[in-house]
Amino acid sequence: MSRISIGADHAGYELKAHLITLLTAQGHEVVDQGTHSTESVDYPPICAAVGRDVRDGRAELGIVLGGSGQGEQLAANKVRGVRAALCNDLYTAKMARLHNDANVLSMGARVVGLGLAEEILATFISTPFEGGRHARRVEQLAELEKDF
C-alpha cells in the first residue's frame, strides 16, 4: 500500500474526511495536512504542504481538495516536482497518471459526489505511468521548472 498526503480547504473538508476513512480501510498510510473543520481557511499553505510531502518522499502520492479543485491544483503545482492534475472525471484521472505521471490528485468537492470521488481516486491510484514517449515529455516538464 501507499503513503498518501492529503489536504483540503473548508469546502473539501468533508470529502477529505471521507477519503481518509476509505484510504485507511484499504491499508494506505495517510498524512493529513488539514484543514480539520468546515471553518473558512486559505488553501495555498495546505496544498503546498501536500506537495512538499510528495516532493520530499514523505508520500508517494498527494490529494488536494476544495470547492472546484482549481485553486488547490494551482497551489500544489507551485511546489517544484509536483505534477498536480485536476480530475473531476474518470478519464482525466486515468490519463493524468498514464501519460503525465501526475503525483497529486486535485478534486472539487462541489463538483463530484462521494461515489464518483471514490472512483476517481481508485483510478488515479491504480493507473501506472505508461512511460515511453510520455517519459520524455515529463522530463521536459521537469526541465521547465529549472528555468523559473
N, C-alpha and C. Protein backbone atom coordinates (compact mmCIF):
# COMPACT_ATOMS: atom_id res chain seq x y z
N MET A 1 0.83 -1.18 0.00
CA MET A 1 0.00 0.00 0.00
C MET A 1 0.88 1.25 0.00
N SER A 2 0.27 2.36 -0.25
CA SER A 2 0.99 3.62 -0.41
C SER A 2 0.86 4.52 0.80
N ARG A 3 1.78 5.45 0.89
CA ARG A 3 1.66 6.54 1.84
C ARG A 3 1.15 7.74 1.04
N ILE A 4 0.03 8.32 1.48
CA ILE A 4 -0.64 9.36 0.73
C ILE A 4 -0.83 10.58 1.63
N SER A 5 -0.42 11.74 1.12
CA SER A 5 -0.62 13.00 1.82
C SER A 5 -1.89 13.64 1.28
N ILE A 6 -2.70 14.19 2.17
CA ILE A 6 -3.98 14.76 1.76
C ILE A 6 -4.22 16.08 2.49
N GLY A 7 -4.83 17.02 1.77
CA GLY A 7 -5.19 18.29 2.38
C GLY A 7 -6.37 18.90 1.66
N ALA A 8 -7.10 19.73 2.38
CA ALA A 8 -8.28 20.36 1.82
C ALA A 8 -8.54 21.70 2.47
N ASP A 9 -9.27 22.53 1.77
CA ASP A 9 -9.80 23.72 2.41
C ASP A 9 -11.14 23.36 3.04
N HIS A 10 -11.85 24.37 3.54
CA HIS A 10 -13.12 24.13 4.21
C HIS A 10 -14.16 23.48 3.30
N ALA A 11 -14.15 23.83 2.01
CA ALA A 11 -15.12 23.25 1.08
C ALA A 11 -14.84 21.77 0.82
N GLY A 12 -13.60 21.37 0.93
CA GLY A 12 -13.23 19.99 0.69
C GLY A 12 -13.09 19.15 1.94
N TYR A 13 -13.32 19.76 3.10
CA TYR A 13 -13.09 19.07 4.37
C TYR A 13 -13.88 17.76 4.50
N GLU A 14 -15.16 17.78 4.22
CA GLU A 14 -15.98 16.57 4.40
C GLU A 14 -15.56 15.46 3.44
N LEU A 15 -15.23 15.82 2.20
CA LEU A 15 -14.74 14.81 1.26
C LEU A 15 -13.39 14.27 1.74
N LYS A 16 -12.54 15.14 2.25
CA LYS A 16 -11.23 14.70 2.77
C LYS A 16 -11.43 13.68 3.89
N ALA A 17 -12.30 13.98 4.84
CA ALA A 17 -12.55 13.06 5.95
C ALA A 17 -13.05 11.72 5.44
N HIS A 18 -13.93 11.75 4.44
CA HIS A 18 -14.45 10.51 3.86
C HIS A 18 -13.32 9.71 3.19
N LEU A 19 -12.49 10.39 2.42
CA LEU A 19 -11.41 9.69 1.70
C LEU A 19 -10.34 9.16 2.66
N ILE A 20 -10.09 9.86 3.74
CA ILE A 20 -9.14 9.35 4.74
C ILE A 20 -9.64 8.03 5.32
N THR A 21 -10.91 7.98 5.65
CA THR A 21 -11.51 6.74 6.18
C THR A 21 -11.38 5.62 5.15
N LEU A 22 -11.70 5.91 3.90
CA LEU A 22 -11.63 4.92 2.83
C LEU A 22 -10.19 4.43 2.62
N LEU A 23 -9.25 5.36 2.51
CA LEU A 23 -7.85 5.01 2.26
C LEU A 23 -7.27 4.19 3.42
N THR A 24 -7.58 4.59 4.63
CA THR A 24 -7.09 3.86 5.81
C THR A 24 -7.64 2.45 5.83
N ALA A 25 -8.92 2.29 5.51
CA ALA A 25 -9.54 0.96 5.47
C ALA A 25 -8.91 0.08 4.39
N GLN A 26 -8.40 0.71 3.35
CA GLN A 26 -7.73 -0.04 2.27
C GLN A 26 -6.28 -0.36 2.60
N GLY A 27 -5.79 0.12 3.73
CA GLY A 27 -4.43 -0.18 4.15
C GLY A 27 -3.39 0.87 3.82
N HIS A 28 -3.82 1.99 3.28
CA HIS A 28 -2.88 3.07 2.98
C HIS A 28 -2.55 3.84 4.25
N GLU A 29 -1.36 4.36 4.31
CA GLU A 29 -0.99 5.27 5.38
C GLU A 29 -1.29 6.68 4.90
N VAL A 30 -2.00 7.46 5.69
CA VAL A 30 -2.45 8.78 5.28
C VAL A 30 -1.83 9.86 6.16
N VAL A 31 -1.25 10.87 5.52
CA VAL A 31 -0.72 12.04 6.20
C VAL A 31 -1.73 13.16 5.98
N ASP A 32 -2.36 13.64 7.04
CA ASP A 32 -3.40 14.66 6.95
C ASP A 32 -2.80 16.04 7.20
N GLN A 33 -2.75 16.85 6.15
CA GLN A 33 -2.18 18.19 6.26
C GLN A 33 -3.23 19.26 6.59
N GLY A 34 -4.45 18.85 6.88
CA GLY A 34 -5.50 19.80 7.26
C GLY A 34 -6.40 20.10 6.08
N THR A 35 -7.32 20.93 6.27
CA THR A 35 -7.85 21.57 7.42
C THR A 35 -8.63 20.54 8.26
N HIS A 36 -9.03 20.94 9.43
CA HIS A 36 -9.67 19.99 10.34
C HIS A 36 -11.09 20.39 10.71
N SER A 37 -11.70 21.25 9.87
CA SER A 37 -13.10 21.65 10.11
C SER A 37 -13.63 22.32 8.84
N THR A 38 -14.89 22.70 8.89
CA THR A 38 -15.50 23.42 7.77
C THR A 38 -15.38 24.93 7.93
N GLU A 39 -14.62 25.37 8.93
CA GLU A 39 -14.39 26.80 9.12
C GLU A 39 -13.49 27.32 8.00
N SER A 40 -13.81 28.48 7.46
CA SER A 40 -13.09 29.05 6.32
C SER A 40 -11.58 29.11 6.58
N VAL A 41 -10.81 28.69 5.58
CA VAL A 41 -9.36 28.65 5.68
C VAL A 41 -8.77 28.91 4.29
N ASP A 42 -7.57 29.44 4.24
CA ASP A 42 -6.86 29.62 2.97
C ASP A 42 -6.17 28.32 2.59
N TYR A 43 -6.36 27.91 1.34
CA TYR A 43 -5.84 26.60 0.89
C TYR A 43 -4.37 26.58 0.46
N PRO A 44 -3.74 27.68 0.01
CA PRO A 44 -2.37 27.55 -0.51
C PRO A 44 -1.37 26.87 0.43
N PRO A 45 -1.30 27.23 1.72
CA PRO A 45 -0.31 26.55 2.57
C PRO A 45 -0.59 25.06 2.75
N ILE A 46 -1.84 24.69 2.78
CA ILE A 46 -2.22 23.28 2.94
C ILE A 46 -1.80 22.49 1.71
N CYS A 47 -2.11 23.01 0.54
CA CYS A 47 -1.77 22.31 -0.71
C CYS A 47 -0.26 22.26 -0.93
N ALA A 48 0.44 23.31 -0.53
CA ALA A 48 1.90 23.31 -0.63
C ALA A 48 2.49 22.25 0.29
N ALA A 49 1.91 22.07 1.47
CA ALA A 49 2.41 21.04 2.40
C ALA A 49 2.24 19.65 1.80
N VAL A 50 1.12 19.41 1.15
CA VAL A 50 0.91 18.12 0.46
C VAL A 50 1.97 17.96 -0.62
N GLY A 51 2.17 19.00 -1.41
CA GLY A 51 3.18 18.94 -2.47
C GLY A 51 4.57 18.68 -1.95
N ARG A 52 4.93 19.32 -0.83
CA ARG A 52 6.26 19.09 -0.25
C ARG A 52 6.41 17.66 0.26
N ASP A 53 5.32 17.10 0.80
CA ASP A 53 5.38 15.69 1.23
C ASP A 53 5.72 14.79 0.06
N VAL A 54 5.11 15.04 -1.10
CA VAL A 54 5.37 14.23 -2.29
C VAL A 54 6.77 14.50 -2.81
N ARG A 55 7.13 15.75 -2.92
CA ARG A 55 8.46 16.11 -3.43
C ARG A 55 9.58 15.52 -2.59
N ASP A 56 9.40 15.58 -1.26
CA ASP A 56 10.46 15.16 -0.35
C ASP A 56 10.42 13.68 0.02
N GLY A 57 9.51 12.93 -0.60
CA GLY A 57 9.46 11.48 -0.39
C GLY A 57 8.74 11.04 0.87
N ARG A 58 8.04 11.94 1.53
CA ARG A 58 7.26 11.55 2.71
C ARG A 58 5.93 10.90 2.31
N ALA A 59 5.59 11.02 1.03
CA ALA A 59 4.39 10.39 0.49
C ALA A 59 4.63 10.05 -0.97
N GLU A 60 4.03 8.95 -1.41
CA GLU A 60 4.15 8.58 -2.83
C GLU A 60 3.21 9.40 -3.69
N LEU A 61 2.04 9.71 -3.17
CA LEU A 61 1.03 10.47 -3.89
C LEU A 61 0.42 11.51 -2.96
N GLY A 62 -0.20 12.52 -3.56
CA GLY A 62 -0.91 13.52 -2.79
C GLY A 62 -2.31 13.72 -3.31
N ILE A 63 -3.16 14.26 -2.45
CA ILE A 63 -4.54 14.60 -2.82
C ILE A 63 -4.83 15.98 -2.24
N VAL A 64 -5.35 16.89 -3.07
CA VAL A 64 -5.78 18.20 -2.60
C VAL A 64 -7.23 18.40 -3.02
N LEU A 65 -8.01 18.95 -2.11
CA LEU A 65 -9.45 19.07 -2.32
C LEU A 65 -9.93 20.47 -1.98
N GLY A 66 -10.87 20.96 -2.75
CA GLY A 66 -11.50 22.24 -2.48
C GLY A 66 -12.88 22.25 -3.11
N GLY A 67 -13.44 23.43 -3.26
CA GLY A 67 -14.76 23.53 -3.87
C GLY A 67 -14.75 23.06 -5.31
N SER A 68 -13.88 23.66 -6.12
CA SER A 68 -13.74 23.26 -7.52
C SER A 68 -12.50 22.42 -7.76
N GLY A 69 -11.51 22.55 -6.90
CA GLY A 69 -10.23 21.88 -7.08
C GLY A 69 -9.24 22.69 -7.89
N GLN A 70 -9.71 23.77 -8.52
CA GLN A 70 -8.83 24.57 -9.38
C GLN A 70 -7.69 25.24 -8.61
N GLY A 71 -8.05 26.02 -7.60
CA GLY A 71 -7.03 26.73 -6.83
C GLY A 71 -6.08 25.77 -6.13
N GLU A 72 -6.63 24.67 -5.65
CA GLU A 72 -5.81 23.67 -4.94
C GLU A 72 -4.77 23.07 -5.88
N GLN A 73 -5.19 22.79 -7.11
CA GLN A 73 -4.25 22.27 -8.11
C GLN A 73 -3.17 23.31 -8.39
N LEU A 74 -3.56 24.55 -8.57
CA LEU A 74 -2.59 25.60 -8.84
C LEU A 74 -1.58 25.73 -7.71
N ALA A 75 -2.07 25.72 -6.47
CA ALA A 75 -1.18 25.86 -5.31
C ALA A 75 -0.20 24.69 -5.22
N ALA A 76 -0.69 23.48 -5.39
CA ALA A 76 0.19 22.30 -5.31
C ALA A 76 1.25 22.35 -6.41
N ASN A 77 0.87 22.81 -7.58
CA ASN A 77 1.80 22.86 -8.70
C ASN A 77 2.90 23.91 -8.54
N LYS A 78 2.80 24.76 -7.55
CA LYS A 78 3.86 25.73 -7.28
C LYS A 78 5.08 25.06 -6.62
N VAL A 79 4.89 23.84 -6.11
CA VAL A 79 5.99 23.11 -5.48
C VAL A 79 6.76 22.37 -6.58
N ARG A 80 8.03 22.67 -6.68
CA ARG A 80 8.88 22.03 -7.69
C ARG A 80 8.79 20.51 -7.58
N GLY A 81 8.57 19.85 -8.71
CA GLY A 81 8.48 18.40 -8.75
C GLY A 81 7.07 17.86 -8.66
N VAL A 82 6.12 18.72 -8.35
CA VAL A 82 4.73 18.30 -8.27
C VAL A 82 4.08 18.39 -9.64
N ARG A 83 3.34 17.36 -9.98
CA ARG A 83 2.52 17.35 -11.18
C ARG A 83 1.09 17.08 -10.73
N ALA A 84 0.42 18.14 -10.30
CA ALA A 84 -0.95 18.02 -9.80
C ALA A 84 -1.92 18.14 -10.96
N ALA A 85 -2.91 17.25 -10.96
CA ALA A 85 -3.90 17.21 -12.03
C ALA A 85 -5.30 17.33 -11.44
N LEU A 86 -6.08 18.25 -12.01
CA LEU A 86 -7.48 18.39 -11.63
C LEU A 86 -8.26 17.31 -12.35
N CYS A 87 -8.84 16.41 -11.59
CA CYS A 87 -9.55 15.26 -12.17
C CYS A 87 -10.94 15.17 -11.55
N ASN A 88 -11.91 15.68 -12.26
CA ASN A 88 -13.28 15.58 -11.79
C ASN A 88 -14.07 14.55 -12.60
N ASP A 89 -13.35 13.69 -13.32
CA ASP A 89 -13.96 12.59 -14.05
C ASP A 89 -12.94 11.46 -14.17
N LEU A 90 -13.41 10.29 -14.58
CA LEU A 90 -12.54 9.11 -14.63
C LEU A 90 -11.50 9.19 -15.74
N TYR A 91 -11.86 9.75 -16.88
CA TYR A 91 -10.92 9.83 -18.00
C TYR A 91 -9.70 10.66 -17.64
N THR A 92 -9.91 11.84 -17.05
CA THR A 92 -8.75 12.68 -16.72
C THR A 92 -7.92 12.05 -15.60
N ALA A 93 -8.56 11.32 -14.70
CA ALA A 93 -7.81 10.64 -13.64
C ALA A 93 -6.89 9.58 -14.25
N LYS A 94 -7.40 8.83 -15.20
CA LYS A 94 -6.59 7.79 -15.84
C LYS A 94 -5.46 8.40 -16.66
N MET A 95 -5.79 9.39 -17.48
CA MET A 95 -4.78 9.97 -18.37
C MET A 95 -3.73 10.77 -17.60
N ALA A 96 -4.12 11.40 -16.49
CA ALA A 96 -3.16 12.15 -15.69
C ALA A 96 -2.03 11.24 -15.21
N ARG A 97 -2.38 10.03 -14.83
CA ARG A 97 -1.36 9.08 -14.37
C ARG A 97 -0.67 8.40 -15.55
N LEU A 98 -1.45 7.92 -16.51
CA LEU A 98 -0.93 7.13 -17.63
C LEU A 98 0.06 7.92 -18.48
N HIS A 99 -0.29 9.16 -18.82
CA HIS A 99 0.54 9.95 -19.74
C HIS A 99 1.36 11.04 -19.07
N ASN A 100 0.93 11.53 -17.92
CA ASN A 100 1.62 12.67 -17.30
C ASN A 100 2.32 12.33 -16.00
N ASP A 101 2.20 11.10 -15.54
CA ASP A 101 2.79 10.67 -14.27
C ASP A 101 2.45 11.65 -13.15
N ALA A 102 1.17 12.11 -13.14
CA ALA A 102 0.73 13.03 -12.10
C ALA A 102 0.95 12.39 -10.73
N ASN A 103 1.41 13.20 -9.79
CA ASN A 103 1.67 12.67 -8.45
C ASN A 103 0.79 13.30 -7.38
N VAL A 104 -0.05 14.25 -7.77
CA VAL A 104 -1.03 14.84 -6.87
C VAL A 104 -2.37 14.92 -7.60
N LEU A 105 -3.39 14.39 -6.97
CA LEU A 105 -4.75 14.43 -7.48
C LEU A 105 -5.48 15.61 -6.85
N SER A 106 -6.12 16.42 -7.67
CA SER A 106 -6.97 17.51 -7.19
C SER A 106 -8.40 17.21 -7.62
N MET A 107 -9.34 17.41 -6.69
CA MET A 107 -10.76 17.23 -7.00
C MET A 107 -11.57 18.35 -6.37
N GLY A 108 -12.71 18.62 -6.99
CA GLY A 108 -13.64 19.61 -6.47
C GLY A 108 -14.78 18.94 -5.73
N ALA A 109 -14.86 19.18 -4.43
CA ALA A 109 -15.90 18.56 -3.62
C ALA A 109 -17.29 19.08 -3.98
N ARG A 110 -17.36 20.25 -4.59
CA ARG A 110 -18.65 20.79 -5.03
C ARG A 110 -18.97 20.38 -6.46
N VAL A 111 -18.08 19.59 -7.05
CA VAL A 111 -18.25 19.15 -8.43
C VAL A 111 -18.57 17.66 -8.49
N VAL A 112 -17.90 16.87 -7.67
CA VAL A 112 -18.10 15.41 -7.69
C VAL A 112 -18.78 14.95 -6.41
N GLY A 113 -19.61 13.95 -6.52
CA GLY A 113 -20.22 13.33 -5.34
C GLY A 113 -19.27 12.30 -4.75
N LEU A 114 -19.64 11.75 -3.61
CA LEU A 114 -18.78 10.79 -2.92
C LEU A 114 -18.47 9.56 -3.78
N GLY A 115 -19.46 9.01 -4.42
CA GLY A 115 -19.25 7.81 -5.23
C GLY A 115 -18.27 8.05 -6.36
N LEU A 116 -18.46 9.15 -7.09
CA LEU A 116 -17.55 9.47 -8.19
C LEU A 116 -16.16 9.79 -7.65
N ALA A 117 -16.08 10.50 -6.54
CA ALA A 117 -14.77 10.80 -5.94
C ALA A 117 -14.02 9.52 -5.61
N GLU A 118 -14.72 8.54 -5.07
CA GLU A 118 -14.09 7.25 -4.76
C GLU A 118 -13.57 6.58 -6.02
N GLU A 119 -14.34 6.63 -7.10
CA GLU A 119 -13.92 6.01 -8.37
C GLU A 119 -12.74 6.75 -8.98
N ILE A 120 -12.76 8.08 -8.92
CA ILE A 120 -11.64 8.87 -9.43
C ILE A 120 -10.37 8.53 -8.66
N LEU A 121 -10.48 8.48 -7.34
CA LEU A 121 -9.32 8.16 -6.51
C LEU A 121 -8.79 6.76 -6.82
N ALA A 122 -9.67 5.79 -6.93
CA ALA A 122 -9.25 4.42 -7.24
C ALA A 122 -8.55 4.36 -8.60
N THR A 123 -9.08 5.08 -9.57
CA THR A 123 -8.46 5.11 -10.91
C THR A 123 -7.10 5.76 -10.85
N PHE A 124 -7.00 6.87 -10.15
CA PHE A 124 -5.73 7.60 -10.04
C PHE A 124 -4.67 6.73 -9.37
N ILE A 125 -5.04 6.08 -8.28
CA ILE A 125 -4.07 5.27 -7.53
C ILE A 125 -3.64 4.03 -8.32
N SER A 126 -4.57 3.42 -9.03
CA SER A 126 -4.28 2.13 -9.67
C SER A 126 -3.68 2.24 -11.07
N THR A 127 -3.70 3.42 -11.66
CA THR A 127 -3.18 3.56 -13.02
C THR A 127 -1.68 3.83 -12.99
N PRO A 128 -0.90 2.96 -13.62
CA PRO A 128 0.55 3.19 -13.65
C PRO A 128 0.93 4.16 -14.77
N PHE A 129 2.08 4.77 -14.62
CA PHE A 129 2.64 5.63 -15.67
C PHE A 129 3.08 4.75 -16.83
N GLU A 130 2.68 5.11 -18.03
CA GLU A 130 2.98 4.33 -19.23
C GLU A 130 4.44 4.44 -19.66
N GLY A 131 5.06 5.56 -19.38
CA GLY A 131 6.45 5.75 -19.79
C GLY A 131 6.55 5.97 -21.28
N GLY A 132 7.58 5.40 -21.91
CA GLY A 132 7.77 5.54 -23.35
C GLY A 132 7.89 6.99 -23.75
N ARG A 133 7.18 7.36 -24.81
CA ARG A 133 7.25 8.74 -25.32
C ARG A 133 6.79 9.75 -24.28
N HIS A 134 5.96 9.30 -23.34
CA HIS A 134 5.45 10.20 -22.30
C HIS A 134 6.54 10.56 -21.28
N ALA A 135 7.49 9.66 -21.06
CA ALA A 135 8.58 9.93 -20.13
C ALA A 135 9.40 11.12 -20.61
N ARG A 136 9.61 11.21 -21.91
CA ARG A 136 10.36 12.34 -22.47
C ARG A 136 9.64 13.65 -22.16
N ARG A 137 8.34 13.64 -22.24
CA ARG A 137 7.55 14.86 -22.01
C ARG A 137 7.54 15.23 -20.53
N VAL A 138 7.47 14.25 -19.66
CA VAL A 138 7.53 14.52 -18.22
C VAL A 138 8.91 15.09 -17.87
N GLU A 139 9.96 14.57 -18.50
CA GLU A 139 11.30 15.11 -18.29
C GLU A 139 11.39 16.56 -18.76
N GLN A 140 10.71 16.88 -19.86
CA GLN A 140 10.70 18.25 -20.35
C GLN A 140 9.98 19.18 -19.38
N LEU A 141 8.94 18.69 -18.74
CA LEU A 141 8.26 19.49 -17.71
C LEU A 141 9.22 19.79 -16.56
N ALA A 142 9.98 18.79 -16.15
CA ALA A 142 10.94 18.98 -15.06
C ALA A 142 12.02 19.99 -15.47
N GLU A 143 12.43 19.96 -16.71
CA GLU A 143 13.43 20.92 -17.20
C GLU A 143 12.88 22.34 -17.17
N LEU A 144 11.60 22.50 -17.48
CA LEU A 144 10.98 23.84 -17.45
C LEU A 144 11.05 24.44 -16.05
N GLU A 145 10.92 23.60 -15.04
CA GLU A 145 10.97 24.09 -13.66
C GLU A 145 12.32 24.70 -13.32
N LYS A 146 13.36 24.25 -13.96
CA LYS A 146 14.71 24.75 -13.66
C LYS A 146 14.89 26.20 -14.14
N ASP A 147 14.05 26.62 -15.10
CA ASP A 147 14.15 27.98 -15.64
C ASP A 147 13.49 29.02 -14.76
N PHE A 148 12.69 28.58 -13.79
CA PHE A 148 11.89 29.53 -13.03
C PHE A 148 12.19 29.45 -11.55
